[in-house]
Amino acid sequence: MYRKMLLALVLSLLLPNCLVHGIILIDSRLVMRGDANNSHAVDLADVMFINAYLFNGGPAPPCLNQADANNDGAVDNSDSVYLLSWLYQGGPAPPAPGPFNTTCAQDNTPYPGCAQDPCN
């Protein structure tokens, strides 16, 4: 398990910041920031989903705004590192509406975007 965390950290430091996927402006609702795979839980699977999307041609997150774990307006390698830090190193939790939110909530940041309705 620590190998995967170390690999994600090394990749985030070595790969250029040009590997950034923008947020699509469609919907401003989300359930949990950090829930990249829309499983209604924020866990290691979300880190793996983000990395697969960014580096292995995996499917796009159903809601890019949820995948934007650090709320910087882009889905990039910093989101997976942010989640790893929170999950395993006591780092800050994803910003509100965060991983413990259980209802559909308005995201008031200027970077909303969901291709699918995360509230279903």
N, C-alpha and C. Protein backbone atom coordinates (compact mmCIF):
# COMPACT_ATOMS: atom_id res chain seq x y z
N MET A 1 0.83 -1.19 0.00
CA MET A 1 0.00 0.00 0.00
C MET A 1 0.88 1.25 0.00
N TYR A 2 1.98 1.21 0.74
CA TYR A 2 2.84 2.39 0.78
C TYR A 2 3.56 2.59 -0.55
N ARG A 3 3.76 1.50 -1.30
CA ARG A 3 4.38 1.63 -2.62
C ARG A 3 3.51 2.47 -3.54
N LYS A 4 2.19 2.25 -3.51
CA LYS A 4 1.29 3.02 -4.36
C LYS A 4 1.29 4.49 -3.97
N MET A 5 1.33 4.76 -2.67
CA MET A 5 1.37 6.15 -2.21
C MET A 5 2.67 6.80 -2.66
N LEU A 6 3.78 6.07 -2.51
CA LEU A 6 5.07 6.61 -2.92
C LEU A 6 5.11 6.83 -4.42
N LEU A 7 4.56 5.89 -5.19
CA LEU A 7 4.52 6.05 -6.63
C LEU A 7 3.71 7.28 -7.03
N ALA A 8 2.56 7.49 -6.40
CA ALA A 8 1.74 8.66 -6.71
C ALA A 8 2.49 9.94 -6.38
N LEU A 9 3.21 9.95 -5.28
CA LEU A 9 3.97 11.13 -4.88
C LEU A 9 5.10 11.39 -5.88
N VAL A 10 5.83 10.34 -6.24
CA VAL A 10 6.93 10.50 -7.19
C VAL A 10 6.41 10.98 -8.53
N LEU A 11 5.30 10.39 -9.01
CA LEU A 11 4.73 10.83 -10.28
C LEU A 11 4.32 12.30 -10.23
N SER A 12 3.75 12.70 -9.10
CA SER A 12 3.30 14.09 -9.01
C SER A 12 4.46 15.08 -9.03
N LEU A 13 5.63 14.64 -8.57
CA LEU A 13 6.78 15.53 -8.57
C LEU A 13 7.51 15.53 -9.92
N LEU A 14 7.47 14.40 -10.61
CA LEU A 14 8.22 14.28 -11.85
C LEU A 14 7.47 14.72 -13.09
N LEU A 15 6.16 14.55 -13.10
CA LEU A 15 5.39 14.88 -14.28
C LEU A 15 5.10 16.38 -14.34
N PRO A 16 5.08 16.93 -15.53
CA PRO A 16 4.87 18.38 -15.65
C PRO A 16 3.45 18.78 -15.29
N ASN A 17 3.32 20.01 -14.88
CA ASN A 17 2.01 20.53 -14.51
C ASN A 17 1.10 20.75 -15.71
N CYS A 18 1.60 20.49 -16.92
CA CYS A 18 0.75 20.67 -18.10
C CYS A 18 -0.29 19.55 -18.20
N LEU A 19 -0.16 18.51 -17.37
CA LEU A 19 -1.13 17.42 -17.38
C LEU A 19 -2.31 17.79 -16.49
N VAL A 20 -3.00 18.83 -16.86
CA VAL A 20 -4.13 19.33 -16.08
C VAL A 20 -5.38 19.26 -16.94
N HIS A 21 -6.44 18.71 -16.36
CA HIS A 21 -7.72 18.63 -17.06
C HIS A 21 -8.64 19.69 -16.47
N GLY A 22 -9.20 20.52 -17.31
CA GLY A 22 -10.05 21.60 -16.85
C GLY A 22 -11.41 21.12 -16.40
N ILE A 23 -12.11 21.98 -15.73
CA ILE A 23 -13.44 21.69 -15.22
C ILE A 23 -14.47 22.11 -16.26
N ILE A 24 -15.43 21.24 -16.52
CA ILE A 24 -16.50 21.53 -17.48
C ILE A 24 -17.63 22.22 -16.74
N LEU A 25 -18.06 23.34 -17.23
CA LEU A 25 -19.12 24.09 -16.56
C LEU A 25 -20.49 23.57 -16.98
N ILE A 26 -21.04 22.65 -16.21
CA ILE A 26 -22.36 22.11 -16.49
C ILE A 26 -23.26 22.20 -15.27
N ASP A 27 -22.77 21.80 -14.14
CA ASP A 27 -23.61 21.69 -12.95
C ASP A 27 -22.81 22.11 -11.74
N SER A 28 -23.43 22.77 -10.79
CA SER A 28 -22.72 23.23 -9.61
C SER A 28 -23.04 22.41 -8.37
N ARG A 29 -23.69 21.27 -8.54
CA ARG A 29 -24.00 20.44 -7.39
C ARG A 29 -22.96 19.35 -7.23
N LEU A 30 -22.70 18.96 -6.01
CA LEU A 30 -21.86 17.81 -5.74
C LEU A 30 -22.23 17.22 -4.40
N VAL A 31 -21.85 16.01 -4.19
CA VAL A 31 -22.13 15.35 -2.92
C VAL A 31 -20.91 15.44 -2.03
N MET A 32 -19.76 14.98 -2.49
CA MET A 32 -18.55 14.98 -1.67
C MET A 32 -17.34 15.36 -2.50
N ARG A 33 -16.66 16.40 -2.11
CA ARG A 33 -15.41 16.74 -2.79
C ARG A 33 -14.39 15.66 -2.45
N GLY A 34 -13.74 15.14 -3.48
CA GLY A 34 -12.77 14.06 -3.31
C GLY A 34 -13.30 12.71 -3.78
N ASP A 35 -14.62 12.60 -3.95
CA ASP A 35 -15.24 11.35 -4.39
C ASP A 35 -15.19 11.27 -5.92
N ALA A 36 -14.01 11.01 -6.46
CA ALA A 36 -13.79 11.06 -7.91
C ALA A 36 -14.59 10.00 -8.67
N ASN A 37 -14.79 8.84 -8.07
CA ASN A 37 -15.50 7.76 -8.78
C ASN A 37 -16.99 7.71 -8.45
N ASN A 38 -17.47 8.69 -7.68
CA ASN A 38 -18.88 8.82 -7.32
C ASN A 38 -19.43 7.58 -6.62
N SER A 39 -18.61 7.01 -5.73
CA SER A 39 -19.01 5.82 -4.97
C SER A 39 -19.65 6.20 -3.63
N HIS A 40 -19.76 7.48 -3.36
CA HIS A 40 -20.30 8.01 -2.10
C HIS A 40 -19.40 7.70 -0.91
N ALA A 41 -18.10 7.56 -1.19
CA ALA A 41 -17.08 7.41 -0.16
C ALA A 41 -15.79 7.98 -0.73
N VAL A 42 -14.97 8.58 0.10
CA VAL A 42 -13.68 9.09 -0.34
C VAL A 42 -12.62 8.16 0.24
N ASP A 43 -11.91 7.47 -0.66
CA ASP A 43 -10.94 6.47 -0.23
C ASP A 43 -9.84 6.31 -1.28
N LEU A 44 -9.00 5.30 -1.10
CA LEU A 44 -7.88 5.07 -2.01
C LEU A 44 -8.36 4.83 -3.44
N ALA A 45 -9.55 4.27 -3.59
CA ALA A 45 -10.08 4.04 -4.94
C ALA A 45 -10.22 5.35 -5.71
N ASP A 46 -10.51 6.44 -5.02
CA ASP A 46 -10.62 7.75 -5.69
C ASP A 46 -9.25 8.22 -6.18
N VAL A 47 -8.22 8.00 -5.37
CA VAL A 47 -6.86 8.36 -5.79
C VAL A 47 -6.49 7.58 -7.04
N MET A 48 -6.77 6.29 -7.03
CA MET A 48 -6.45 5.44 -8.18
C MET A 48 -7.27 5.84 -9.41
N PHE A 49 -8.52 6.24 -9.21
CA PHE A 49 -9.38 6.67 -10.31
C PHE A 49 -8.83 7.94 -10.95
N ILE A 50 -8.43 8.91 -10.13
CA ILE A 50 -7.86 10.16 -10.65
C ILE A 50 -6.59 9.87 -11.43
N ASN A 51 -5.70 9.04 -10.86
CA ASN A 51 -4.44 8.74 -11.55
C ASN A 51 -4.67 7.98 -12.85
N ALA A 52 -5.62 7.06 -12.86
CA ALA A 52 -5.93 6.33 -14.10
C ALA A 52 -6.44 7.29 -15.17
N TYR A 53 -7.26 8.24 -14.77
CA TYR A 53 -7.79 9.25 -15.69
C TYR A 53 -6.66 10.13 -16.25
N LEU A 54 -5.79 10.56 -15.38
CA LEU A 54 -4.74 11.49 -15.80
C LEU A 54 -3.62 10.83 -16.60
N PHE A 55 -3.23 9.62 -16.19
CA PHE A 55 -1.99 9.05 -16.72
C PHE A 55 -2.17 7.79 -17.56
N ASN A 56 -3.33 7.13 -17.48
CA ASN A 56 -3.49 5.85 -18.18
C ASN A 56 -4.67 5.85 -19.15
N GLY A 57 -5.24 6.99 -19.44
CA GLY A 57 -6.36 7.04 -20.36
C GLY A 57 -7.64 6.45 -19.81
N GLY A 58 -7.77 6.43 -18.49
CA GLY A 58 -8.98 5.90 -17.86
C GLY A 58 -10.16 6.83 -18.09
N PRO A 59 -11.36 6.37 -17.70
CA PRO A 59 -12.55 7.20 -17.91
C PRO A 59 -12.49 8.48 -17.07
N ALA A 60 -13.14 9.50 -17.59
CA ALA A 60 -13.22 10.77 -16.86
C ALA A 60 -14.09 10.59 -15.63
N PRO A 61 -13.78 11.28 -14.55
CA PRO A 61 -14.66 11.23 -13.38
C PRO A 61 -16.07 11.68 -13.75
N PRO A 62 -17.10 11.04 -13.19
CA PRO A 62 -18.48 11.44 -13.48
C PRO A 62 -18.74 12.90 -13.15
N CYS A 63 -18.05 13.41 -12.14
CA CYS A 63 -18.19 14.81 -11.75
C CYS A 63 -16.79 15.36 -11.50
N LEU A 64 -16.28 16.16 -12.42
CA LEU A 64 -14.93 16.69 -12.26
C LEU A 64 -14.80 17.55 -11.02
N ASN A 65 -15.89 18.19 -10.61
CA ASN A 65 -15.81 19.04 -9.43
C ASN A 65 -15.56 18.20 -8.17
N GLN A 66 -16.12 17.02 -8.12
CA GLN A 66 -15.86 16.14 -6.99
C GLN A 66 -14.42 15.64 -7.03
N ALA A 67 -13.88 15.40 -8.22
CA ALA A 67 -12.51 14.92 -8.35
C ALA A 67 -11.49 16.01 -8.03
N ASP A 68 -11.91 17.27 -8.08
CA ASP A 68 -11.03 18.39 -7.74
C ASP A 68 -10.92 18.47 -6.21
N ALA A 69 -10.18 17.54 -5.63
CA ALA A 69 -10.14 17.36 -4.17
C ALA A 69 -9.63 18.59 -3.43
N ASN A 70 -8.68 19.29 -3.99
CA ASN A 70 -8.12 20.45 -3.29
C ASN A 70 -8.80 21.76 -3.69
N ASN A 71 -9.81 21.69 -4.57
CA ASN A 71 -10.63 22.84 -4.95
C ASN A 71 -9.81 23.98 -5.58
N ASP A 72 -8.85 23.60 -6.43
CA ASP A 72 -8.06 24.63 -7.10
C ASP A 72 -8.55 24.91 -8.52
N GLY A 73 -9.64 24.26 -8.92
CA GLY A 73 -10.23 24.54 -10.21
C GLY A 73 -9.77 23.64 -11.34
N ALA A 74 -8.96 22.63 -11.04
CA ALA A 74 -8.49 21.71 -12.06
C ALA A 74 -8.32 20.32 -11.45
N VAL A 75 -8.52 19.32 -12.28
CA VAL A 75 -8.25 17.95 -11.84
C VAL A 75 -6.87 17.60 -12.35
N ASP A 76 -5.92 17.47 -11.43
CA ASP A 76 -4.54 17.19 -11.78
C ASP A 76 -3.91 16.31 -10.72
N ASN A 77 -2.61 16.07 -10.85
CA ASN A 77 -1.94 15.17 -9.92
C ASN A 77 -1.93 15.70 -8.49
N SER A 78 -2.11 16.98 -8.29
CA SER A 78 -2.14 17.51 -6.93
C SER A 78 -3.38 17.02 -6.17
N ASP A 79 -4.44 16.67 -6.89
CA ASP A 79 -5.65 16.18 -6.22
C ASP A 79 -5.42 14.79 -5.61
N SER A 80 -4.74 13.92 -6.34
CA SER A 80 -4.48 12.60 -5.78
C SER A 80 -3.50 12.68 -4.61
N VAL A 81 -2.50 13.55 -4.71
CA VAL A 81 -1.56 13.73 -3.59
C VAL A 81 -2.28 14.32 -2.39
N TYR A 82 -3.19 15.27 -2.62
CA TYR A 82 -3.97 15.88 -1.54
C TYR A 82 -4.79 14.82 -0.81
N LEU A 83 -5.45 13.95 -1.58
CA LEU A 83 -6.25 12.89 -0.95
C LEU A 83 -5.37 11.91 -0.18
N LEU A 84 -4.23 11.54 -0.75
CA LEU A 84 -3.32 10.63 -0.02
C LEU A 84 -2.85 11.26 1.29
N SER A 85 -2.54 12.54 1.25
CA SER A 85 -2.12 13.23 2.46
C SER A 85 -3.21 13.20 3.52
N TRP A 86 -4.45 13.45 3.10
CA TRP A 86 -5.57 13.44 4.06
C TRP A 86 -5.84 12.04 4.58
N LEU A 87 -5.85 11.07 3.68
CA LEU A 87 -6.20 9.70 4.07
C LEU A 87 -5.16 9.05 4.96
N TYR A 88 -3.87 9.31 4.71
CA TYR A 88 -2.83 8.53 5.37
C TYR A 88 -1.82 9.32 6.18
N GLN A 89 -1.83 10.65 6.07
CA GLN A 89 -0.82 11.42 6.78
C GLN A 89 -1.40 12.52 7.64
N GLY A 90 -2.70 12.55 7.82
CA GLY A 90 -3.31 13.55 8.70
C GLY A 90 -3.38 14.94 8.10
N GLY A 91 -3.30 15.04 6.78
CA GLY A 91 -3.41 16.34 6.11
C GLY A 91 -4.83 16.87 6.19
N PRO A 92 -5.05 18.08 5.69
CA PRO A 92 -6.41 18.66 5.74
C PRO A 92 -7.39 17.89 4.86
N ALA A 93 -8.63 17.84 5.33
CA ALA A 93 -9.69 17.19 4.56
C ALA A 93 -10.03 18.04 3.35
N PRO A 94 -10.59 17.45 2.30
CA PRO A 94 -11.03 18.24 1.16
C PRO A 94 -12.02 19.32 1.60
N PRO A 95 -11.96 20.51 0.98
CA PRO A 95 -12.84 21.61 1.37
C PRO A 95 -14.33 21.27 1.20
N ALA A 96 -15.14 22.02 1.87
CA ALA A 96 -16.60 21.81 1.85
C ALA A 96 -17.15 21.98 0.45
N PRO A 97 -18.16 21.24 0.09
CA PRO A 97 -18.71 20.13 0.86
C PRO A 97 -17.77 18.93 0.77
N GLY A 98 -17.25 18.57 1.90
CA GLY A 98 -16.19 17.59 1.97
C GLY A 98 -16.64 16.15 1.98
N PRO A 99 -15.73 15.28 2.38
CA PRO A 99 -15.96 13.85 2.28
C PRO A 99 -17.03 13.29 3.23
N PHE A 100 -17.46 14.07 4.19
CA PHE A 100 -18.47 13.57 5.12
C PHE A 100 -19.86 14.13 4.82
N ASN A 101 -19.97 14.87 3.73
CA ASN A 101 -21.26 15.40 3.31
C ASN A 101 -22.11 14.27 2.75
N THR A 102 -23.37 14.21 3.12
CA THR A 102 -24.24 13.13 2.65
C THR A 102 -25.45 13.63 1.86
N THR A 103 -25.52 14.92 1.65
CA THR A 103 -26.64 15.46 0.87
C THR A 103 -26.09 16.27 -0.30
N CYS A 104 -26.91 16.45 -1.30
CA CYS A 104 -26.48 17.25 -2.42
C CYS A 104 -26.33 18.69 -1.95
N ALA A 105 -25.19 19.28 -2.23
CA ALA A 105 -24.90 20.62 -1.71
C ALA A 105 -24.45 21.53 -2.84
N GLN A 106 -24.72 22.79 -2.69
CA GLN A 106 -24.28 23.79 -3.65
C GLN A 106 -22.79 24.03 -3.45
N ASP A 107 -22.06 24.07 -4.54
CA ASP A 107 -20.65 24.40 -4.50
C ASP A 107 -20.51 25.84 -4.96
N ASN A 108 -20.12 26.72 -4.07
CA ASN A 108 -20.06 28.14 -4.38
C ASN A 108 -18.73 28.60 -4.95
N THR A 109 -17.83 27.66 -5.25
CA THR A 109 -16.56 28.04 -5.86
C THR A 109 -16.78 28.35 -7.33
N PRO A 110 -15.85 29.05 -7.95
CA PRO A 110 -16.04 29.41 -9.36
C PRO A 110 -15.71 28.28 -10.33
N TYR A 111 -15.51 27.06 -9.86
CA TYR A 111 -15.09 25.98 -10.73
C TYR A 111 -16.05 24.78 -10.69
N PRO A 112 -17.33 24.95 -10.91
CA PRO A 112 -18.23 23.79 -10.90
C PRO A 112 -18.12 23.00 -12.19
N GLY A 113 -18.54 21.76 -12.14
CA GLY A 113 -18.59 20.99 -13.37
C GLY A 113 -18.86 19.53 -13.14
N CYS A 114 -19.97 19.05 -13.65
CA CYS A 114 -20.32 17.65 -13.57
C CYS A 114 -20.96 17.24 -14.88
N ALA A 115 -20.44 16.17 -15.48
CA ALA A 115 -21.04 15.66 -16.70
C ALA A 115 -22.28 14.83 -16.38
N GLN A 116 -22.33 14.28 -15.16
CA GLN A 116 -23.47 13.51 -14.69
C GLN A 116 -23.93 14.11 -13.38
N ASP A 117 -25.18 13.90 -13.04
CA ASP A 117 -25.73 14.43 -11.79
C ASP A 117 -25.20 13.63 -10.62
N PRO A 118 -24.36 14.22 -9.76
CA PRO A 118 -23.81 13.47 -8.63
C PRO A 118 -24.82 13.22 -7.53
N CYS A 119 -26.00 13.80 -7.66
CA CYS A 119 -26.99 13.67 -6.59
C CYS A 119 -27.88 12.45 -6.77
N ASN A 120 -27.65 11.67 -7.79
CA ASN A 120 -28.42 10.45 -8.00
C ASN A 120 -27.60 9.24 -7.68
